[in-house]
Amino acid sequence: MYTIQLKINEKVYDKFIWLLSKFNKEEIEIVSESSDFIATKNYLQKELSEIERGKATFISQKEFENRLNGIV
């Protein structure tokens, strides 16, 4: 079985769901996005926005390693 992800315009969403409901569960199953995926997506979009606006701060590879060693 394949899994695909679609973006569906709200104007046709109800019709699309109606069409999918005509298939049995062995043929098509609606799988919703996990909350982990949504949370990660939102976090990454926020981080990207900060980079694009020039608000992000960066550290060197050496500083990163030092911070990582301090955690372990």
PDB file of N, CA and C in Angstrom:
ATOM      1  N   MET A   1       0.847  -1.174   0.000  1.00  0.00           N
ATOM      2  CA  MET A   1       0.000   0.000   0.000  1.00  0.00           C
ATOM      3  C   MET A   1       0.894   1.239   0.000  1.00  0.00           C
ATOM      4  N   TYR A   2       0.511   2.275  -0.692  1.00  0.00           N
ATOM      5  CA  TYR A   2       1.247   3.530  -0.768  1.00  0.00           C
ATOM      6  C   TYR A   2       0.628   4.550   0.177  1.00  0.00           C
ATOM      7  N   THR A   3       1.447   5.492   0.620  1.00  0.00           N
ATOM      8  CA  THR A   3       0.967   6.612   1.417  1.00  0.00           C
ATOM      9  C   THR A   3       1.347   7.881   0.682  1.00  0.00           C
ATOM     10  N   ILE A   4       0.371   8.777   0.510  1.00  0.00           N
ATOM     11  CA  ILE A   4       0.637  10.054  -0.140  1.00  0.00           C
ATOM     12  C   ILE A   4       0.104  11.164   0.754  1.00  0.00           C
ATOM     13  N   GLN A   5       0.663  12.349   0.580  1.00  0.00           N
ATOM     14  CA  GLN A   5       0.208  13.513   1.329  1.00  0.00           C
ATOM     15  C   GLN A   5      -0.289  14.533   0.322  1.00  0.00           C
ATOM     16  N   LEU A   6      -1.468  15.080   0.556  1.00  0.00           N
ATOM     17  CA  LEU A   6      -2.074  16.024  -0.375  1.00  0.00           C
ATOM     18  C   LEU A   6      -2.448  17.308   0.332  1.00  0.00           C
ATOM     19  N   LYS A   7      -2.413  18.405  -0.394  1.00  0.00           N
ATOM     20  CA  LYS A   7      -3.016  19.652   0.063  1.00  0.00           C
ATOM     21  C   LYS A   7      -4.269  19.824  -0.771  1.00  0.00           C
ATOM     22  N   ILE A   8      -5.403  19.991  -0.095  1.00  0.00           N
ATOM     23  CA  ILE A   8      -6.681  20.063  -0.791  1.00  0.00           C
ATOM     24  C   ILE A   8      -7.352  21.382  -0.470  1.00  0.00           C
ATOM     25  N   ASN A   9      -7.764  22.096  -1.488  1.00  0.00           N
ATOM     26  CA  ASN A   9      -8.456  23.355  -1.315  1.00  0.00           C
ATOM     27  C   ASN A   9      -9.751  23.119  -0.550  1.00  0.00           C
ATOM     28  N   GLU A  10     -10.060  24.044   0.363  1.00  0.00           N
ATOM     29  CA  GLU A  10     -11.258  23.871   1.191  1.00  0.00           C
ATOM     30  C   GLU A  10     -12.544  23.822   0.375  1.00  0.00           C
ATOM     31  N   LYS A  11     -12.520  24.362  -0.840  1.00  0.00           N
ATOM     32  CA  LYS A  11     -13.713  24.347  -1.690  1.00  0.00           C
ATOM     33  C   LYS A  11     -14.064  22.936  -2.150  1.00  0.00           C
ATOM     34  N   VAL A  12     -13.062  22.075  -2.295  1.00  0.00           N
ATOM     35  CA  VAL A  12     -13.325  20.720  -2.790  1.00  0.00           C
ATOM     36  C   VAL A  12     -13.106  19.646  -1.722  1.00  0.00           C
ATOM     37  N   TYR A  13     -12.721  20.053  -0.509  1.00  0.00           N
ATOM     38  CA  TYR A  13     -12.403  19.086   0.543  1.00  0.00           C
ATOM     39  C   TYR A  13     -13.555  18.120   0.810  1.00  0.00           C
ATOM     40  N   ASP A  14     -14.753  18.647   1.019  1.00  0.00           N
ATOM     41  CA  ASP A  14     -15.910  17.779   1.314  1.00  0.00           C
ATOM     42  C   ASP A  14     -16.174  16.785   0.194  1.00  0.00           C
ATOM     43  N   LYS A  15     -16.063  17.238  -1.048  1.00  0.00           N
ATOM     44  CA  LYS A  15     -16.279  16.341  -2.188  1.00  0.00           C
ATOM     45  C   LYS A  15     -15.204  15.263  -2.254  1.00  0.00           C
ATOM     46  N   PHE A  16     -13.969  15.654  -1.941  1.00  0.00           N
ATOM     47  CA  PHE A  16     -12.864  14.707  -1.975  1.00  0.00           C
ATOM     48  C   PHE A  16     -13.039  13.639  -0.897  1.00  0.00           C
ATOM     49  N   ILE A  17     -13.400  14.072   0.316  1.00  0.00           N
ATOM     50  CA  ILE A  17     -13.643  13.127   1.405  1.00  0.00           C
ATOM     51  C   ILE A  17     -14.817  12.215   1.056  1.00  0.00           C
ATOM     52  N   TRP A  18     -15.838  12.760   0.441  1.00  0.00           N
ATOM     53  CA  TRP A  18     -16.974  11.940   0.013  1.00  0.00           C
ATOM     54  C   TRP A  18     -16.505  10.857  -0.957  1.00  0.00           C
ATOM     55  N   LEU A  19     -15.670  11.236  -1.925  1.00  0.00           N
ATOM     56  CA  LEU A  19     -15.151  10.276  -2.892  1.00  0.00           C
ATOM     57  C   LEU A  19     -14.347   9.176  -2.195  1.00  0.00           C
ATOM     58  N   LEU A  20     -13.489   9.567  -1.268  1.00  0.00           N
ATOM     59  CA  LEU A  20     -12.685   8.570  -0.556  1.00  0.00           C
ATOM     60  C   LEU A  20     -13.549   7.626   0.272  1.00  0.00           C
ATOM     61  N   SER A  21     -14.640   8.123   0.786  1.00  0.00           N
ATOM     62  CA  SER A  21     -15.520   7.281   1.610  1.00  0.00           C
ATOM     63  C   SER A  21     -16.191   6.179   0.799  1.00  0.00           C
ATOM     64  N   LYS A  22     -16.172   6.259  -0.501  1.00  0.00           N
ATOM     65  CA  LYS A  22     -16.784   5.239  -1.368  1.00  0.00           C
ATOM     66  C   LYS A  22     -15.929   3.972  -1.465  1.00  0.00           C
ATOM     67  N   PHE A  23     -14.672   4.067  -1.019  1.00  0.00           N
ATOM     68  CA  PHE A  23     -13.782   2.913  -1.023  1.00  0.00           C
ATOM     69  C   PHE A  23     -13.822   2.256   0.351  1.00  0.00           C
ATOM     70  N   ASN A  24     -13.568   0.941   0.375  1.00  0.00           N
ATOM     71  CA  ASN A  24     -13.536   0.283   1.686  1.00  0.00           C
ATOM     72  C   ASN A  24     -12.157   0.468   2.320  1.00  0.00           C
ATOM     73  N   LYS A  25     -12.055   0.131   3.605  1.00  0.00           N
ATOM     74  CA  LYS A  25     -10.832   0.393   4.381  1.00  0.00           C
ATOM     75  C   LYS A  25      -9.628  -0.374   3.841  1.00  0.00           C
ATOM     76  N   GLU A  26      -9.825  -1.497   3.178  1.00  0.00           N
ATOM     77  CA  GLU A  26      -8.713  -2.250   2.603  1.00  0.00           C
ATOM     78  C   GLU A  26      -8.174  -1.563   1.346  1.00  0.00           C
ATOM     79  N   GLU A  27      -8.999  -0.726   0.709  1.00  0.00           N
ATOM     80  CA  GLU A  27      -8.569  -0.032  -0.501  1.00  0.00           C
ATOM     81  C   GLU A  27      -7.930   1.332  -0.188  1.00  0.00           C
ATOM     82  N   ILE A  28      -8.590   2.104   0.676  1.00  0.00           N
ATOM     83  CA  ILE A  28      -8.095   3.436   1.034  1.00  0.00           C
ATOM     84  C   ILE A  28      -8.380   3.688   2.503  1.00  0.00           C
ATOM     85  N   GLU A  29      -7.358   4.173   3.191  1.00  0.00           N
ATOM     86  CA  GLU A  29      -7.513   4.550   4.594  1.00  0.00           C
ATOM     87  C   GLU A  29      -6.997   5.968   4.766  1.00  0.00           C
ATOM     88  N   ILE A  30      -7.775   6.822   5.416  1.00  0.00           N
ATOM     89  CA  ILE A  30      -7.357   8.192   5.667  1.00  0.00           C
ATOM     90  C   ILE A  30      -6.471   8.189   6.907  1.00  0.00           C
ATOM     91  N   VAL A  31      -5.247   8.660   6.737  1.00  0.00           N
ATOM     92  CA  VAL A  31      -4.278   8.689   7.825  1.00  0.00           C
ATOM     93  C   VAL A  31      -3.998  10.154   8.125  1.00  0.00           C
ATOM     94  N   SER A  32      -4.279  10.583   9.336  1.00  0.00           N
ATOM     95  CA  SER A  32      -4.035  11.979   9.687  1.00  0.00           C
ATOM     96  C   SER A  32      -2.580  12.169  10.105  1.00  0.00           C
ATOM     97  N   GLU A  33      -2.110  13.412  10.004  1.00  0.00           N
ATOM     98  CA  GLU A  33      -0.730  13.718  10.390  1.00  0.00           C
ATOM     99  C   GLU A  33      -0.597  13.586  11.901  1.00  0.00           C
ATOM    100  N   SER A  34       0.533  13.081  12.332  1.00  0.00           N
ATOM    101  CA  SER A  34       0.771  12.949  13.767  1.00  0.00           C
ATOM    102  C   SER A  34       1.056  14.314  14.375  1.00  0.00           C
ATOM    103  N   SER A  35       0.776  14.448  15.655  1.00  0.00           N
ATOM    104  CA  SER A  35       1.034  15.719  16.323  1.00  0.00           C
ATOM    105  C   SER A  35       2.532  16.022  16.355  1.00  0.00           C
ATOM    106  N   ASP A  36       3.375  14.979  16.395  1.00  0.00           N
ATOM    107  CA  ASP A  36       4.826  15.192  16.364  1.00  0.00           C
ATOM    108  C   ASP A  36       5.248  15.851  15.061  1.00  0.00           C
ATOM    109  N   PHE A  37       4.691  15.370  13.955  1.00  0.00           N
ATOM    110  CA  PHE A  37       5.020  15.938  12.650  1.00  0.00           C
ATOM    111  C   PHE A  37       4.605  17.402  12.592  1.00  0.00           C
ATOM    112  N   ILE A  38       3.414  17.702  13.053  1.00  0.00           N
ATOM    113  CA  ILE A  38       2.905  19.073  13.003  1.00  0.00           C
ATOM    114  C   ILE A  38       3.737  19.983  13.893  1.00  0.00           C
ATOM    115  N   ALA A  39       4.071  19.525  15.097  1.00  0.00           N
ATOM    116  CA  ALA A  39       4.883  20.329  16.017  1.00  0.00           C
ATOM    117  C   ALA A  39       6.264  20.602  15.418  1.00  0.00           C
ATOM    118  N   THR A  40       6.877  19.584  14.839  1.00  0.00           N
ATOM    119  CA  THR A  40       8.199  19.747  14.223  1.00  0.00           C
ATOM    120  C   THR A  40       8.131  20.695  13.037  1.00  0.00           C
ATOM    121  N   LYS A  41       7.111  20.554  12.222  1.00  0.00           N
ATOM    122  CA  LYS A  41       6.931  21.425  11.056  1.00  0.00           C
ATOM    123  C   LYS A  41       6.786  22.880  11.499  1.00  0.00           C
ATOM    124  N   ASN A  42       5.967  23.130  12.513  1.00  0.00           N
ATOM    125  CA  ASN A  42       5.774  24.493  13.010  1.00  0.00           C
ATOM    126  C   ASN A  42       7.070  25.068  13.575  1.00  0.00           C
ATOM    127  N   TYR A  43       7.815  24.259  14.322  1.00  0.00           N
ATOM    128  CA  TYR A  43       9.092  24.699  14.889  1.00  0.00           C
ATOM    129  C   TYR A  43      10.069  25.085  13.776  1.00  0.00           C
ATOM    130  N   LEU A  44      10.190  24.228  12.773  1.00  0.00           N
ATOM    131  CA  LEU A  44      11.130  24.495  11.681  1.00  0.00           C
ATOM    132  C   LEU A  44      10.713  25.710  10.865  1.00  0.00           C
ATOM    133  N   GLN A  45       9.409  25.913  10.679  1.00  0.00           N
ATOM    134  CA  GLN A  45       8.945  27.092   9.953  1.00  0.00           C
ATOM    135  C   GLN A  45       9.284  28.369  10.722  1.00  0.00           C
ATOM    136  N   LYS A  46       9.156  28.327  12.045  1.00  0.00           N
ATOM    137  CA  LYS A  46       9.510  29.475  12.887  1.00  0.00           C
ATOM    138  C   LYS A  46      11.007  29.761  12.793  1.00  0.00           C
ATOM    139  N   GLU A  47      11.820  28.708  12.863  1.00  0.00           N
ATOM    140  CA  GLU A  47      13.272  28.876  12.774  1.00  0.00           C
ATOM    141  C   GLU A  47      13.672  29.456  11.419  1.00  0.00           C
ATOM    142  N   LEU A  48      13.086  28.948  10.346  1.00  0.00           N
ATOM    143  CA  LEU A  48      13.389  29.455   9.005  1.00  0.00           C
ATOM    144  C   LEU A  48      12.993  30.917   8.882  1.00  0.00           C
ATOM    145  N   SER A  49      11.860  31.268   9.435  1.00  0.00           N
ATOM    146  CA  SER A  49      11.405  32.658   9.398  1.00  0.00           C
ATOM    147  C   SER A  49      12.397  33.583  10.097  1.00  0.00           C
ATOM    148  N   GLU A  50      12.930  33.149  11.236  1.00  0.00           N
ATOM    149  CA  GLU A  50      13.922  33.954  11.948  1.00  0.00           C
ATOM    150  C   GLU A  50      15.193  34.124  11.128  1.00  0.00           C
ATOM    151  N   ILE A  51      15.612  33.080  10.439  1.00  0.00           N
ATOM    152  CA  ILE A  51      16.803  33.162   9.582  1.00  0.00           C
ATOM    153  C   ILE A  51      16.552  34.144   8.443  1.00  0.00           C
ATOM    154  N   GLU A  52      15.404  34.030   7.802  1.00  0.00           N
ATOM    155  CA  GLU A  52      15.078  34.893   6.662  1.00  0.00           C
ATOM    156  C   GLU A  52      14.964  36.366   7.069  1.00  0.00           C
ATOM    157  N   ARG A  53      14.504  36.632   8.286  1.00  0.00           N
ATOM    158  CA  ARG A  53      14.366  38.012   8.768  1.00  0.00           C
ATOM    159  C   ARG A  53      15.660  38.548   9.361  1.00  0.00           C
ATOM    160  N   GLY A  54      16.696  37.710   9.445  1.00  0.00           N
ATOM    161  CA  GLY A  54      17.972  38.141  10.001  1.00  0.00           C
ATOM    162  C   GLY A  54      17.983  38.192  11.518  1.00  0.00           C
ATOM    163  N   LYS A  55      17.053  37.523  12.163  1.00  0.00           N
ATOM    164  CA  LYS A  55      16.939  37.545  13.625  1.00  0.00           C
ATOM    165  C   LYS A  55      17.642  36.360  14.283  1.00  0.00           C
ATOM    166  N   ALA A  56      18.108  35.400  13.498  1.00  0.00           N
ATOM    167  CA  ALA A  56      18.728  34.192  14.048  1.00  0.00           C
ATOM    168  C   ALA A  56      20.162  34.467  14.466  1.00  0.00           C
ATOM    169  N   THR A  57      20.586  33.759  15.509  1.00  0.00           N
ATOM    170  CA  THR A  57      21.992  33.834  15.911  1.00  0.00           C
ATOM    171  C   THR A  57      22.648  32.495  15.592  1.00  0.00           C
ATOM    172  N   PHE A  58      23.900  32.565  15.190  1.00  0.00           N
ATOM    173  CA  PHE A  58      24.623  31.367  14.791  1.00  0.00           C
ATOM    174  C   PHE A  58      25.839  31.180  15.685  1.00  0.00           C
ATOM    175  N   ILE A  59      26.281  29.935  15.806  1.00  0.00           N
ATOM    176  CA  ILE A  59      27.486  29.642  16.576  1.00  0.00           C
ATOM    177  C   ILE A  59      28.440  28.853  15.683  1.00  0.00           C
ATOM    178  N   SER A  60      29.706  28.859  16.064  1.00  0.00           N
ATOM    179  CA  SER A  60      30.703  28.130  15.292  1.00  0.00           C
ATOM    180  C   SER A  60      30.621  26.636  15.596  1.00  0.00           C
ATOM    181  N   GLN A  61      31.259  25.856  14.760  1.00  0.00           N
ATOM    182  CA  GLN A  61      31.318  24.408  14.961  1.00  0.00           C
ATOM    183  C   GLN A  61      31.980  24.091  16.302  1.00  0.00           C
ATOM    184  N   LYS A  62      33.046  24.828  16.620  1.00  0.00           N
ATOM    185  CA  LYS A  62      33.780  24.601  17.874  1.00  0.00           C
ATOM    186  C   LYS A  62      32.894  24.914  19.086  1.00  0.00           C
ATOM    187  N   GLU A  63      32.170  26.018  19.028  1.00  0.00           N
ATOM    188  CA  GLU A  63      31.267  26.376  20.125  1.00  0.00           C
ATOM    189  C   GLU A  63      30.162  25.334  20.281  1.00  0.00           C
ATOM    190  N   PHE A  64      29.666  24.842  19.176  1.00  0.00           N
ATOM    191  CA  PHE A  64      28.654  23.785  19.212  1.00  0.00           C
ATOM    192  C   PHE A  64      29.197  22.544  19.913  1.00  0.00           C
ATOM    193  N   GLU A  65      30.395  22.147  19.542  1.00  0.00           N
ATOM    194  CA  GLU A  65      31.016  20.970  20.160  1.00  0.00           C
ATOM    195  C   GLU A  65      31.223  21.178  21.660  1.00  0.00           C
ATOM    196  N   ASN A  66      31.637  22.374  22.042  1.00  0.00           N
ATOM    197  CA  ASN A  66      31.832  22.679  23.462  1.00  0.00           C
ATOM    198  C   ASN A  66      30.509  22.592  24.225  1.00  0.00           C
ATOM    199  N   ARG A  67      29.456  23.132  23.633  1.00  0.00           N
ATOM    200  CA  ARG A  67      28.136  23.050  24.272  1.00  0.00           C
ATOM    201  C   ARG A  67      27.678  21.601  24.369  1.00  0.00           C
ATOM    202  N   LEU A  68      27.898  20.845  23.326  1.00  0.00           N
ATOM    203  CA  LEU A  68      27.495  19.443  23.304  1.00  0.00           C
ATOM    204  C   LEU A  68      28.260  18.653  24.360  1.00  0.00           C
ATOM    205  N   ASN A  69      29.548  18.894  24.472  1.00  0.00           N
ATOM    206  CA  ASN A  69      30.360  18.219  25.502  1.00  0.00           C
ATOM    207  C   ASN A  69      29.886  18.591  26.908  1.00  0.00           C
ATOM    208  N   GLY A  70      29.411  19.809  27.080  1.00  0.00           N
ATOM    209  CA  GLY A  70      28.907  20.241  28.374  1.00  0.00           C
ATOM    210  C   GLY A  70      27.606  19.559  28.754  1.00  0.00           C
ATOM    211  N   ILE A  71      26.845  19.113  27.773  1.00  0.00           N
ATOM    212  CA  ILE A  71      25.577  18.428  28.030  1.00  0.00           C
ATOM    213  C   ILE A  71      25.831  16.968  28.396  1.00  0.00           C
ATOM    214  N   VAL A  72      26.782  16.360  27.740  1.00  0.00           N
ATOM    215  CA  VAL A  72      27.056  14.922  27.925  1.00  0.00           C
ATOM    216  C   VAL A  72      27.772  14.683  29.163  1.00  0.00           C
TER     217      VAL A  72
END
